[in-house]
Amino acid sequence: MESHISEGGINATTCHTCSVKHPELEAALTLWVQQQEAKLLTIKGGLIIEKAERIAKALNAKGLQFSDGWLTAFKERHMLQD
C-alpha cells in the first residue's frame, strides 16, 4: 500500500473538519509522512502504524490502538492514497 499526499490542498468534497483525540500525535505523524514523501519514499500502511506507535510511546500516550480502521481514517484525513 503506497501513499501519496494529494496536490492542491483541501478536497472539494470535504464538508467538515475532523477532530482527533491526540492532536500532538497526529501532528508529529503527519510531519513524518510529509518528510518521507518529500524524499520520494514509499510509505506502507504498516510503517505508518509502526511510526505512530513509536511517537505515542515518546509522547507517553497510553491505551492507543493503531488498527486497520485507525489507519484508514488517518489516510482519509490526510488524503493519502493506497
PDB file of N, CA and C in Angstrom:
ATOM      1  N   MET A   1       0.854  -1.168   0.000  1.00  0.00           N
ATOM      2  CA  MET A   1       0.000   0.000   0.000  1.00  0.00           C
ATOM      3  C   MET A   1       0.899   1.230   0.000  1.00  0.00           C
ATOM      4  N   GLU A   2       0.869   1.992  -1.085  1.00  0.00           N
ATOM      5  CA  GLU A   2       1.658   3.208  -1.182  1.00  0.00           C
ATOM      6  C   GLU A   2       0.796   4.391  -0.781  1.00  0.00           C
ATOM      7  N   SER A   3       1.412   5.438  -0.327  1.00  0.00           N
ATOM      8  CA  SER A   3       0.665   6.646   0.000  1.00  0.00           C
ATOM      9  C   SER A   3       1.312   7.834  -0.682  1.00  0.00           C
ATOM     10  N   HIS A   4       0.479   8.730  -1.114  1.00  0.00           N
ATOM     11  CA  HIS A   4       0.947   9.963  -1.737  1.00  0.00           C
ATOM     12  C   HIS A   4       0.073  11.099  -1.256  1.00  0.00           C
ATOM     13  N   ILE A   5       0.662  12.197  -0.894  1.00  0.00           N
ATOM     14  CA  ILE A   5      -0.115  13.352  -0.477  1.00  0.00           C
ATOM     15  C   ILE A   5      -0.670  14.011  -1.732  1.00  0.00           C
ATOM     16  N   SER A   6      -1.973  14.203  -1.768  1.00  0.00           N
ATOM     17  CA  SER A   6      -2.637  14.796  -2.922  1.00  0.00           C
ATOM     18  C   SER A   6      -2.201  16.242  -3.110  1.00  0.00           C
ATOM     19  N   GLU A   7      -2.053  16.625  -4.350  1.00  0.00           N
ATOM     20  CA  GLU A   7      -1.706  18.005  -4.683  1.00  0.00           C
ATOM     21  C   GLU A   7      -2.969  18.846  -4.637  1.00  0.00           C
ATOM     22  N   GLY A   8      -2.854  20.102  -4.310  1.00  0.00           N
ATOM     23  CA  GLY A   8      -3.972  21.005  -4.418  1.00  0.00           C
ATOM     24  C   GLY A   8      -4.698  21.309  -3.126  1.00  0.00           C
ATOM     25  N   GLY A   9      -4.267  20.811  -2.008  1.00  0.00           N
ATOM     26  CA  GLY A   9      -4.867  21.180  -0.734  1.00  0.00           C
ATOM     27  C   GLY A   9      -6.143  20.447  -0.412  1.00  0.00           C
ATOM     28  N   ILE A  10      -7.146  21.181   0.053  1.00  0.00           N
ATOM     29  CA  ILE A  10      -8.374  20.589   0.562  1.00  0.00           C
ATOM     30  C   ILE A  10      -9.182  19.972  -0.568  1.00  0.00           C
ATOM     31  N   ASN A  11      -9.676  18.786  -0.325  1.00  0.00           N
ATOM     32  CA  ASN A  11     -10.518  18.074  -1.269  1.00  0.00           C
ATOM     33  C   ASN A  11     -11.855  18.798  -1.367  1.00  0.00           C
ATOM     34  N   ALA A  12     -12.378  18.969  -2.567  1.00  0.00           N
ATOM     35  CA  ALA A  12     -13.624  19.699  -2.772  1.00  0.00           C
ATOM     36  C   ALA A  12     -14.811  19.025  -2.106  1.00  0.00           C
ATOM     37  N   THR A  13     -14.721  17.731  -1.825  1.00  0.00           N
ATOM     38  CA  THR A  13     -15.840  17.022  -1.206  1.00  0.00           C
ATOM     39  C   THR A  13     -15.788  17.075   0.315  1.00  0.00           C
ATOM     40  N   THR A  14     -14.735  17.662   0.876  1.00  0.00           N
ATOM     41  CA  THR A  14     -14.622  17.769   2.326  1.00  0.00           C
ATOM     42  C   THR A  14     -15.660  18.768   2.839  1.00  0.00           C
ATOM     43  N   CYS A  15     -16.504  18.317   3.797  1.00  0.00           N
ATOM     44  CA  CYS A  15     -17.556  19.205   4.268  1.00  0.00           C
ATOM     45  C   CYS A  15     -17.457  19.477   5.764  1.00  0.00           C
ATOM     46  N   HIS A  16     -16.498  18.869   6.450  1.00  0.00           N
ATOM     47  CA  HIS A  16     -16.314  19.157   7.866  1.00  0.00           C
ATOM     48  C   HIS A  16     -14.876  18.863   8.266  1.00  0.00           C
ATOM     49  N   THR A  17     -14.491  19.411   9.375  1.00  0.00           N
ATOM     50  CA  THR A  17     -13.154  19.196   9.898  1.00  0.00           C
ATOM     51  C   THR A  17     -13.205  18.087  10.942  1.00  0.00           C
ATOM     52  N   CYS A  18     -12.326  17.121  10.804  1.00  0.00           N
ATOM     53  CA  CYS A  18     -12.275  16.023  11.769  1.00  0.00           C
ATOM     54  C   CYS A  18     -11.447  16.445  12.971  1.00  0.00           C
ATOM     55  N   SER A  19     -11.942  16.139  14.146  1.00  0.00           N
ATOM     56  CA  SER A  19     -11.130  16.386  15.327  1.00  0.00           C
ATOM     57  C   SER A  19     -10.539  15.053  15.762  1.00  0.00           C
ATOM     58  N   VAL A  20      -9.344  15.104  16.250  1.00  0.00           N
ATOM     59  CA  VAL A  20      -8.663  13.888  16.670  1.00  0.00           C
ATOM     60  C   VAL A  20      -8.464  13.921  18.179  1.00  0.00           C
ATOM     61  N   LYS A  21      -8.341  12.740  18.769  1.00  0.00           N
ATOM     62  CA  LYS A  21      -8.206  12.643  20.219  1.00  0.00           C
ATOM     63  C   LYS A  21      -6.812  13.036  20.708  1.00  0.00           C
ATOM     64  N   HIS A  22      -5.816  12.843  19.868  1.00  0.00           N
ATOM     65  CA  HIS A  22      -4.428  13.130  20.246  1.00  0.00           C
ATOM     66  C   HIS A  22      -3.776  14.010  19.171  1.00  0.00           C
ATOM     67  N   PRO A  23      -4.040  15.310  19.200  1.00  0.00           N
ATOM     68  CA  PRO A  23      -3.530  16.198  18.148  1.00  0.00           C
ATOM     69  C   PRO A  23      -2.003  16.259  18.060  1.00  0.00           C
ATOM     70  N   GLU A  24      -1.304  16.100  19.188  1.00  0.00           N
ATOM     71  CA  GLU A  24       0.169  16.119  19.135  1.00  0.00           C
ATOM     72  C   GLU A  24       0.685  14.913  18.353  1.00  0.00           C
ATOM     73  N   LEU A  25       0.098  13.768  18.589  1.00  0.00           N
ATOM     74  CA  LEU A  25       0.460  12.559  17.845  1.00  0.00           C
ATOM     75  C   LEU A  25       0.147  12.745  16.371  1.00  0.00           C
ATOM     76  N   GLU A  26      -1.028  13.249  16.087  1.00  0.00           N
ATOM     77  CA  GLU A  26      -1.466  13.474  14.702  1.00  0.00           C
ATOM     78  C   GLU A  26      -0.503  14.415  13.987  1.00  0.00           C
ATOM     79  N   ALA A  27      -0.128  15.508  14.633  1.00  0.00           N
ATOM     80  CA  ALA A  27       0.767  16.492  14.028  1.00  0.00           C
ATOM     81  C   ALA A  27       2.150  15.900  13.769  1.00  0.00           C
ATOM     82  N   ALA A  28       2.680  15.166  14.735  1.00  0.00           N
ATOM     83  CA  ALA A  28       4.011  14.572  14.583  1.00  0.00           C
ATOM     84  C   ALA A  28       4.014  13.524  13.479  1.00  0.00           C
ATOM     85  N   LEU A  29       2.982  12.699  13.435  1.00  0.00           N
ATOM     86  CA  LEU A  29       2.908  11.657  12.406  1.00  0.00           C
ATOM     87  C   LEU A  29       2.711  12.270  11.028  1.00  0.00           C
ATOM     88  N   THR A  30       1.906  13.308  10.953  1.00  0.00           N
ATOM     89  CA  THR A  30       1.690  13.993   9.676  1.00  0.00           C
ATOM     90  C   THR A  30       2.990  14.598   9.164  1.00  0.00           C
ATOM     91  N   LEU A  31       3.743  15.228  10.045  1.00  0.00           N
ATOM     92  CA  LEU A  31       5.034  15.799   9.666  1.00  0.00           C
ATOM     93  C   LEU A  31       5.970  14.721   9.150  1.00  0.00           C
ATOM     94  N   TRP A  32       6.008  13.583   9.828  1.00  0.00           N
ATOM     95  CA  TRP A  32       6.870  12.477   9.403  1.00  0.00           C
ATOM     96  C   TRP A  32       6.460  11.985   8.013  1.00  0.00           C
ATOM     97  N   VAL A  33       5.167  11.826   7.785  1.00  0.00           N
ATOM     98  CA  VAL A  33       4.685  11.371   6.472  1.00  0.00           C
ATOM     99  C   VAL A  33       5.112  12.367   5.396  1.00  0.00           C
ATOM    100  N   GLN A  34       4.945  13.652   5.659  1.00  0.00           N
ATOM    101  CA  GLN A  34       5.330  14.672   4.696  1.00  0.00           C
ATOM    102  C   GLN A  34       6.831  14.635   4.405  1.00  0.00           C
ATOM    103  N   GLN A  35       7.628  14.395   5.426  1.00  0.00           N
ATOM    104  CA  GLN A  35       9.075  14.306   5.232  1.00  0.00           C
ATOM    105  C   GLN A  35       9.438  13.104   4.363  1.00  0.00           C
ATOM    106  N   GLN A  36       8.762  11.985   4.583  1.00  0.00           N
ATOM    107  CA  GLN A  36       9.040  10.790   3.788  1.00  0.00           C
ATOM    108  C   GLN A  36       8.624  11.010   2.334  1.00  0.00           C
ATOM    109  N   GLU A  37       7.484  11.657   2.139  1.00  0.00           N
ATOM    110  CA  GLU A  37       7.013  11.966   0.792  1.00  0.00           C
ATOM    111  C   GLU A  37       7.984  12.914   0.081  1.00  0.00           C
ATOM    112  N   ALA A  38       8.533  13.877   0.804  1.00  0.00           N
ATOM    113  CA  ALA A  38       9.490  14.820   0.216  1.00  0.00           C
ATOM    114  C   ALA A  38      10.744  14.100  -0.266  1.00  0.00           C
ATOM    115  N   LYS A  39      11.071  12.991   0.386  1.00  0.00           N
ATOM    116  CA  LYS A  39      12.227  12.181  -0.004  1.00  0.00           C
ATOM    117  C   LYS A  39      11.861  11.177  -1.089  1.00  0.00           C
ATOM    118  N   LEU A  40      10.591  11.224  -1.544  1.00  0.00           N
ATOM    119  CA  LEU A  40      10.063  10.319  -2.567  1.00  0.00           C
ATOM    120  C   LEU A  40      10.108   8.857  -2.132  1.00  0.00           C
ATOM    121  N   LEU A  41       9.928   8.628  -0.834  1.00  0.00           N
ATOM    122  CA  LEU A  41       9.925   7.274  -0.298  1.00  0.00           C
ATOM    123  C   LEU A  41       8.512   6.703  -0.304  1.00  0.00           C
ATOM    124  N   THR A  42       8.405   5.416  -0.553  1.00  0.00           N
ATOM    125  CA  THR A  42       7.129   4.721  -0.482  1.00  0.00           C
ATOM    126  C   THR A  42       6.831   4.422   0.976  1.00  0.00           C
ATOM    127  N   ILE A  43       5.610   4.737   1.385  1.00  0.00           N
ATOM    128  CA  ILE A  43       5.230   4.524   2.775  1.00  0.00           C
ATOM    129  C   ILE A  43       4.120   3.486   2.811  1.00  0.00           C
ATOM    130  N   LYS A  44       4.404   2.361   3.381  1.00  0.00           N
ATOM    131  CA  LYS A  44       3.415   1.291   3.522  1.00  0.00           C
ATOM    132  C   LYS A  44       2.612   1.519   4.795  1.00  0.00           C
ATOM    133  N   GLY A  45       1.387   0.988   4.816  1.00  0.00           N
ATOM    134  CA  GLY A  45       0.499   1.157   5.958  1.00  0.00           C
ATOM    135  C   GLY A  45       1.103   0.677   7.264  1.00  0.00           C
ATOM    136  N   GLY A  46       1.775  -0.466   7.220  1.00  0.00           N
ATOM    137  CA  GLY A  46       2.409  -0.997   8.426  1.00  0.00           C
ATOM    138  C   GLY A  46       3.475  -0.069   8.972  1.00  0.00           C
ATOM    139  N   LEU A  47       4.152   0.628   8.097  1.00  0.00           N
ATOM    140  CA  LEU A  47       5.194   1.566   8.520  1.00  0.00           C
ATOM    141  C   LEU A  47       4.567   2.788   9.206  1.00  0.00           C
ATOM    142  N   ILE A  48       3.413   3.228   8.720  1.00  0.00           N
ATOM    143  CA  ILE A  48       2.715   4.342   9.363  1.00  0.00           C
ATOM    144  C   ILE A  48       2.297   3.940  10.769  1.00  0.00           C
ATOM    145  N   ILE A  49       1.769   2.737  10.902  1.00  0.00           N
ATOM    146  CA  ILE A  49       1.350   2.255  12.220  1.00  0.00           C
ATOM    147  C   ILE A  49       2.550   2.131  13.152  1.00  0.00           C
ATOM    148  N   GLU A  50       3.652   1.592  12.646  1.00  0.00           N
ATOM    149  CA  GLU A  50       4.863   1.438  13.465  1.00  0.00           C
ATOM    150  C   GLU A  50       5.361   2.793  13.954  1.00  0.00           C
ATOM    151  N   LYS A  51       5.366   3.778  13.069  1.00  0.00           N
ATOM    152  CA  LYS A  51       5.816   5.116  13.455  1.00  0.00           C
ATOM    153  C   LYS A  51       4.848   5.736  14.458  1.00  0.00           C
ATOM    154  N   ALA A  52       3.554   5.536  14.265  1.00  0.00           N
ATOM    155  CA  ALA A  52       2.551   6.052  15.211  1.00  0.00           C
ATOM    156  C   ALA A  52       2.769   5.463  16.592  1.00  0.00           C
ATOM    157  N   GLU A  53       3.073   4.180  16.658  1.00  0.00           N
ATOM    158  CA  GLU A  53       3.336   3.532  17.952  1.00  0.00           C
ATOM    159  C   GLU A  53       4.567   4.135  18.625  1.00  0.00           C
ATOM    160  N   ARG A  54       5.604   4.398  17.850  1.00  0.00           N
ATOM    161  CA  ARG A  54       6.823   4.999  18.409  1.00  0.00           C
ATOM    162  C   ARG A  54       6.563   6.417  18.916  1.00  0.00           C
ATOM    163  N   ILE A  55       5.816   7.187  18.137  1.00  0.00           N
ATOM    164  CA  ILE A  55       5.503   8.558  18.550  1.00  0.00           C
ATOM    165  C   ILE A  55       4.643   8.533  19.807  1.00  0.00           C
ATOM    166  N   ALA A  56       3.649   7.657  19.851  1.00  0.00           N
ATOM    167  CA  ALA A  56       2.776   7.545  21.029  1.00  0.00           C
ATOM    168  C   ALA A  56       3.595   7.211  22.269  1.00  0.00           C
ATOM    169  N   LYS A  57       4.554   6.310  22.116  1.00  0.00           N
ATOM    170  CA  LYS A  57       5.410   5.943  23.245  1.00  0.00           C
ATOM    171  C   LYS A  57       6.235   7.145  23.698  1.00  0.00           C
ATOM    172  N   ALA A  58       6.784   7.891  22.739  1.00  0.00           N
ATOM    173  CA  ALA A  58       7.594   9.070  23.073  1.00  0.00           C
ATOM    174  C   ALA A  58       6.755  10.149  23.760  1.00  0.00           C
ATOM    175  N   LEU A  59       5.478  10.234  23.393  1.00  0.00           N
ATOM    176  CA  LEU A  59       4.577  11.214  23.999  1.00  0.00           C
ATOM    177  C   LEU A  59       3.928  10.693  25.277  1.00  0.00           C
ATOM    178  N   ASN A  60       4.255   9.454  25.623  1.00  0.00           N
ATOM    179  CA  ASN A  60       3.678   8.794  26.793  1.00  0.00           C
ATOM    180  C   ASN A  60       2.154   8.721  26.708  1.00  0.00           C
ATOM    181  N   ALA A  61       1.658   8.517  25.491  1.00  0.00           N
ATOM    182  CA  ALA A  61       0.217   8.359  25.250  1.00  0.00           C
ATOM    183  C   ALA A  61      -0.106   6.878  25.357  1.00  0.00           C
ATOM    184  N   LYS A  62      -0.855   6.529  26.376  1.00  0.00           N
ATOM    185  CA  LYS A  62      -1.127   5.117  26.647  1.00  0.00           C
ATOM    186  C   LYS A  62      -2.530   4.728  26.201  1.00  0.00           C
ATOM    187  N   GLY A  63      -2.711   3.437  25.978  1.00  0.00           N
ATOM    188  CA  GLY A  63      -4.020   2.892  25.664  1.00  0.00           C
ATOM    189  C   GLY A  63      -4.484   3.125  24.237  1.00  0.00           C
ATOM    190  N   LEU A  64      -3.578   3.469  23.358  1.00  0.00           N
ATOM    191  CA  LEU A  64      -3.951   3.689  21.966  1.00  0.00           C
ATOM    192  C   LEU A  64      -3.789   2.400  21.176  1.00  0.00           C
ATOM    193  N   GLN A  65      -4.702   2.184  20.243  1.00  0.00           N
ATOM    194  CA  GLN A  65      -4.601   1.027  19.355  1.00  0.00           C
ATOM    195  C   GLN A  65      -4.587   1.532  17.925  1.00  0.00           C
ATOM    196  N   PHE A  66      -3.603   1.133  17.186  1.00  0.00           N
ATOM    197  CA  PHE A  66      -3.449   1.565  15.811  1.00  0.00           C
ATOM    198  C   PHE A  66      -3.874   0.423  14.890  1.00  0.00           C
ATOM    199  N   SER A  67      -5.183   0.304  14.729  1.00  0.00           N
ATOM    200  CA  SER A  67      -5.783  -0.779  13.954  1.00  0.00           C
ATOM    201  C   SER A  67      -5.858  -0.407  12.477  1.00  0.00           C
ATOM    202  N   ASP A  68      -6.343  -1.331  11.675  1.00  0.00           N
ATOM    203  CA  ASP A  68      -6.561  -1.044  10.263  1.00  0.00           C
ATOM    204  C   ASP A  68      -7.583   0.080  10.098  1.00  0.00           C
ATOM    205  N   GLY A  69      -8.593   0.113  10.968  1.00  0.00           N
ATOM    206  CA  GLY A  69      -9.586   1.178  10.928  1.00  0.00           C
ATOM    207  C   GLY A  69      -8.971   2.533  11.235  1.00  0.00           C
ATOM    208  N   TRP A  70      -8.073   2.573  12.216  1.00  0.00           N
ATOM    209  CA  TRP A  70      -7.375   3.816  12.544  1.00  0.00           C
ATOM    210  C   TRP A  70      -6.553   4.268  11.345  1.00  0.00           C
ATOM    211  N   LEU A  71      -5.845   3.330  10.718  1.00  0.00           N
ATOM    212  CA  LEU A  71      -5.005   3.648   9.562  1.00  0.00           C
ATOM    213  C   LEU A  71      -5.849   4.214   8.423  1.00  0.00           C
ATOM    214  N   THR A  72      -6.980   3.585   8.150  1.00  0.00           N
ATOM    215  CA  THR A  72      -7.870   4.060   7.087  1.00  0.00           C
ATOM    216  C   THR A  72      -8.332   5.483   7.373  1.00  0.00           C
ATOM    217  N   ALA A  73      -8.725   5.756   8.617  1.00  0.00           N
ATOM    218  CA  ALA A  73      -9.182   7.095   8.987  1.00  0.00           C
ATOM    219  C   ALA A  73      -8.046   8.119   8.869  1.00  0.00           C
ATOM    220  N   PHE A  74      -6.838   7.753   9.295  1.00  0.00           N
ATOM    221  CA  PHE A  74      -5.687   8.655   9.186  1.00  0.00           C
ATOM    222  C   PHE A  74      -5.432   9.001   7.722  1.00  0.00           C
ATOM    223  N   LYS A  75      -5.443   7.989   6.878  1.00  0.00           N
ATOM    224  CA  LYS A  75      -5.199   8.210   5.453  1.00  0.00           C
ATOM    225  C   LYS A  75      -6.285   9.080   4.831  1.00  0.00           C
ATOM    226  N   GLU A  76      -7.518   8.913   5.239  1.00  0.00           N
ATOM    227  CA  GLU A  76      -8.604   9.734   4.715  1.00  0.00           C
ATOM    228  C   GLU A  76      -8.456  11.181   5.167  1.00  0.00           C
ATOM    229  N   ARG A  77      -8.090  11.381   6.436  1.00  0.00           N
ATOM    230  CA  ARG A  77      -7.918  12.743   6.950  1.00  0.00           C
ATOM    231  C   ARG A  77      -6.818  13.504   6.215  1.00  0.00           C
ATOM    232  N   HIS A  78      -5.824  12.771   5.757  1.00  0.00           N
ATOM    233  CA  HIS A  78      -4.659  13.411   5.133  1.00  0.00           C
ATOM    234  C   HIS A  78      -4.577  13.162   3.636  1.00  0.00           C
ATOM    235  N   MET A  79      -5.675  12.690   3.086  1.00  0.00           N
ATOM    236  CA  MET A  79      -5.774  12.466   1.640  1.00  0.00           C
ATOM    237  C   MET A  79      -4.623  11.609   1.112  1.00  0.00           C
ATOM    238  N   LEU A  80      -4.315  10.553   1.817  1.00  0.00           N
ATOM    239  CA  LEU A  80      -3.293   9.606   1.385  1.00  0.00           C
ATOM    240  C   LEU A  80      -3.971   8.492   0.607  1.00  0.00           C
ATOM    241  N   GLN A  81      -3.322   8.048  -0.432  1.00  0.00           N
ATOM    242  CA  GLN A  81      -3.901   7.024  -1.285  1.00  0.00           C
ATOM    243  C   GLN A  81      -3.136   5.721  -1.142  1.00  0.00           C
ATOM    244  N   ASP A  82      -3.827   4.634  -1.431  1.00  0.00           N
ATOM    245  CA  ASP A  82      -3.192   3.304  -1.426  1.00  0.00           C
ATOM    246  C   ASP A  82      -2.263   3.164  -2.586  1.00  0.00           C
TER     247      ASP A  82
END
